[in-house]
Every structure is written in C-alpha cells, then in structure tokens.
Amino acid sequence: LKILIEPDFAFSNPTINLNKVVLPEPLLPVKA
C-alpha cells in the first residue's frame, strides 16, 4: 500500500521500500 501511495519514495530508496513492507507500523507514522 505504501509503495503505491509513494512510488517516488519507493523507487528512490529500494531498501526503504522493503522496510515499509516488513515494518509498516514504524514507518507509517514517519511518512504520515
């Protein structure tokens, strides 16, 4: 979901992209 919402961020940081999928809770508040 986060990847679709923020494609630029995901593409810019593939490593972060994986983290968002594995740990969406800690990154949700940071991005939100």
PDB file of N, CA and C in Angstrom:
ATOM      1  N   LEU A   1       0.839  -1.196   0.000  1.00  0.00           N
ATOM      2  CA  LEU A   1       0.000   0.000   0.000  1.00  0.00           C
ATOM      3  C   LEU A   1       0.874   1.246   0.000  1.00  0.00           C
ATOM      4  N   LYS A   2       1.862   1.287   0.893  1.00  0.00           N
ATOM      5  CA  LYS A   2       2.741   2.451   0.972  1.00  0.00           C
ATOM      6  C   LYS A   2       3.476   2.660  -0.340  1.00  0.00           C
ATOM      7  N   ILE A   3       3.819   1.538  -0.985  1.00  0.00           N
ATOM      8  CA  ILE A   3       4.564   1.625  -2.248  1.00  0.00           C
ATOM      9  C   ILE A   3       3.711   2.317  -3.305  1.00  0.00           C
ATOM     10  N   LEU A   4       2.434   1.969  -3.336  1.00  0.00           N
ATOM     11  CA  LEU A   4       1.542   2.554  -4.332  1.00  0.00           C
ATOM     12  C   LEU A   4       1.268   4.016  -4.003  1.00  0.00           C
ATOM     13  N   ILE A   5       1.191   4.315  -2.720  1.00  0.00           N
ATOM     14  CA  ILE A   5       0.903   5.690  -2.291  1.00  0.00           C
ATOM     15  C   ILE A   5       2.108   6.586  -2.568  1.00  0.00           C
ATOM     16  N   GLU A   6       3.304   6.032  -2.335  1.00  0.00           N
ATOM     17  CA  GLU A   6       4.505   6.836  -2.534  1.00  0.00           C
ATOM     18  C   GLU A   6       5.475   6.115  -3.463  1.00  0.00           C
ATOM     19  N   PRO A   7       5.188   6.078  -4.757  1.00  0.00           N
ATOM     20  CA  PRO A   7       6.023   5.372  -5.725  1.00  0.00           C
ATOM     21  C   PRO A   7       7.391   6.012  -5.859  1.00  0.00           C
ATOM     22  N   ASP A   8       7.434   7.333  -5.817  1.00  0.00           N
ATOM     23  CA  ASP A   8       8.708   8.041  -5.957  1.00  0.00           C
ATOM     24  C   ASP A   8       9.659   7.645  -4.834  1.00  0.00           C
ATOM     25  N   PHE A   9       9.140   7.659  -3.625  1.00  0.00           N
ATOM     26  CA  PHE A   9       9.965   7.340  -2.463  1.00  0.00           C
ATOM     27  C   PHE A   9      10.466   5.899  -2.543  1.00  0.00           C
ATOM     28  N   ALA A  10       9.581   5.007  -2.970  1.00  0.00           N
ATOM     29  CA  ALA A  10       9.933   3.595  -3.067  1.00  0.00           C
ATOM     30  C   ALA A  10      11.024   3.382  -4.111  1.00  0.00           C
ATOM     31  N   PHE A  11      10.839   4.023  -5.280  1.00  0.00           N
ATOM     32  CA  PHE A  11      11.814   3.863  -6.356  1.00  0.00           C
ATOM     33  C   PHE A  11      13.144   4.509  -5.984  1.00  0.00           C
ATOM     34  N   SER A  12      13.076   5.617  -5.266  1.00  0.00           N
ATOM     35  CA  SER A  12      14.297   6.325  -4.876  1.00  0.00           C
ATOM     36  C   SER A  12      15.089   5.497  -3.871  1.00  0.00           C
ATOM     37  N   ASN A  13      14.372   4.811  -2.984  1.00  0.00           N
ATOM     38  CA  ASN A  13      15.043   4.023  -1.951  1.00  0.00           C
ATOM     39  C   ASN A  13      14.467   2.612  -1.898  1.00  0.00           C
ATOM     40  N   PRO A  14      14.993   1.699  -2.720  1.00  0.00           N
ATOM     41  CA  PRO A  14      14.501   0.317  -2.749  1.00  0.00           C
ATOM     42  C   PRO A  14      14.644  -0.364  -1.396  1.00  0.00           C
ATOM     43  N   THR A  15      15.697   0.000  -0.657  1.00  0.00           N
ATOM     44  CA  THR A  15      15.913  -0.589   0.664  1.00  0.00           C
ATOM     45  C   THR A  15      14.795  -0.171   1.604  1.00  0.00           C
ATOM     46  N   ILE A  16      14.450   1.086   1.566  1.00  0.00           N
ATOM     47  CA  ILE A  16      13.365   1.601   2.406  1.00  0.00           C
ATOM     48  C   ILE A  16      12.062   0.910   2.011  1.00  0.00           C
ATOM     49  N   ASN A  17      11.921   0.694   0.712  1.00  0.00           N
ATOM     50  CA  ASN A  17      10.717   0.056   0.176  1.00  0.00           C
ATOM     51  C   ASN A  17      10.499  -1.284   0.880  1.00  0.00           C
ATOM     52  N   LEU A  18      11.547  -2.089   1.000  1.00  0.00           N
ATOM     53  CA  LEU A  18      11.441  -3.394   1.649  1.00  0.00           C
ATOM     54  C   LEU A  18      11.077  -3.216   3.116  1.00  0.00           C
ATOM     55  N   ASN A  19      11.682  -2.221   3.753  1.00  0.00           N
ATOM     56  CA  ASN A  19      11.406  -1.973   5.169  1.00  0.00           C
ATOM     57  C   ASN A  19       9.943  -1.626   5.380  1.00  0.00           C
ATOM     58  N   LYS A  20       9.390  -0.846   4.456  1.00  0.00           N
ATOM     59  CA  LYS A  20       7.991  -0.448   4.578  1.00  0.00           C
ATOM     60  C   LYS A  20       7.081  -1.668   4.540  1.00  0.00           C
ATOM     61  N   VAL A  21       7.463  -2.666   3.740  1.00  0.00           N
ATOM     62  CA  VAL A  21       6.640  -3.870   3.619  1.00  0.00           C
ATOM     63  C   VAL A  21       6.800  -4.743   4.861  1.00  0.00           C
ATOM     64  N   VAL A  22       8.031  -4.835   5.361  1.00  0.00           N
ATOM     65  CA  VAL A  22       8.305  -5.672   6.526  1.00  0.00           C
ATOM     66  C   VAL A  22       7.809  -5.006   7.808  1.00  0.00           C
ATOM     67  N   LEU A  23       8.089  -3.703   7.932  1.00  0.00           N
ATOM     68  CA  LEU A  23       7.683  -2.982   9.137  1.00  0.00           C
ATOM     69  C   LEU A  23       6.898  -1.733   8.769  1.00  0.00           C
ATOM     70  N   PRO A  24       5.633  -1.898   8.414  1.00  0.00           N
ATOM     71  CA  PRO A  24       4.809  -0.762   8.004  1.00  0.00           C
ATOM     72  C   PRO A  24       4.402   0.122   9.187  1.00  0.00           C
ATOM     73  N   GLU A  25       4.333  -0.462  10.379  1.00  0.00           N
ATOM     74  CA  GLU A  25       3.884   0.289  11.556  1.00  0.00           C
ATOM     75  C   GLU A  25       4.834   1.435  11.921  1.00  0.00           C
ATOM     76  N   PRO A  26       6.133   1.159  12.085  1.00  0.00           N
ATOM     77  CA  PRO A  26       7.080   2.216  12.479  1.00  0.00           C
ATOM     78  C   PRO A  26       7.268   3.263  11.396  1.00  0.00           C
ATOM     79  N   LEU A  27       7.105   2.869  10.133  1.00  0.00           N
ATOM     80  CA  LEU A  27       7.314   3.806   9.036  1.00  0.00           C
ATOM     81  C   LEU A  27       6.039   4.566   8.697  1.00  0.00           C
ATOM     82  N   LEU A  28       4.902   3.988   9.043  1.00  0.00           N
ATOM     83  CA  LEU A  28       3.632   4.661   8.762  1.00  0.00           C
ATOM     84  C   LEU A  28       3.578   6.043   9.408  1.00  0.00           C
ATOM     85  N   PRO A  29       3.830   6.160  10.694  1.00  0.00           N
ATOM     86  CA  PRO A  29       3.773   7.471  11.359  1.00  0.00           C
ATOM     87  C   PRO A  29       4.829   8.421  10.828  1.00  0.00           C
ATOM     88  N   VAL A  30       5.970   7.888  10.449  1.00  0.00           N
ATOM     89  CA  VAL A  30       7.059   8.729   9.954  1.00  0.00           C
ATOM     90  C   VAL A  30       6.669   9.362   8.628  1.00  0.00           C
ATOM     91  N   LYS A  31       6.077   8.535   7.736  1.00  0.00           N
ATOM     92  CA  LYS A  31       5.698   9.049   6.428  1.00  0.00           C
ATOM     93  C   LYS A  31       4.403   9.850   6.527  1.00  0.00           C
ATOM     94  N   ALA A  32       3.509   9.424   7.392  1.00  0.00           N
ATOM     95  CA  ALA A  32       2.225  10.113   7.534  1.00  0.00           C
ATOM     96  C   ALA A  32       2.447  11.428   8.276  1.00  0.00           C
TER      97      ALA A  32
END
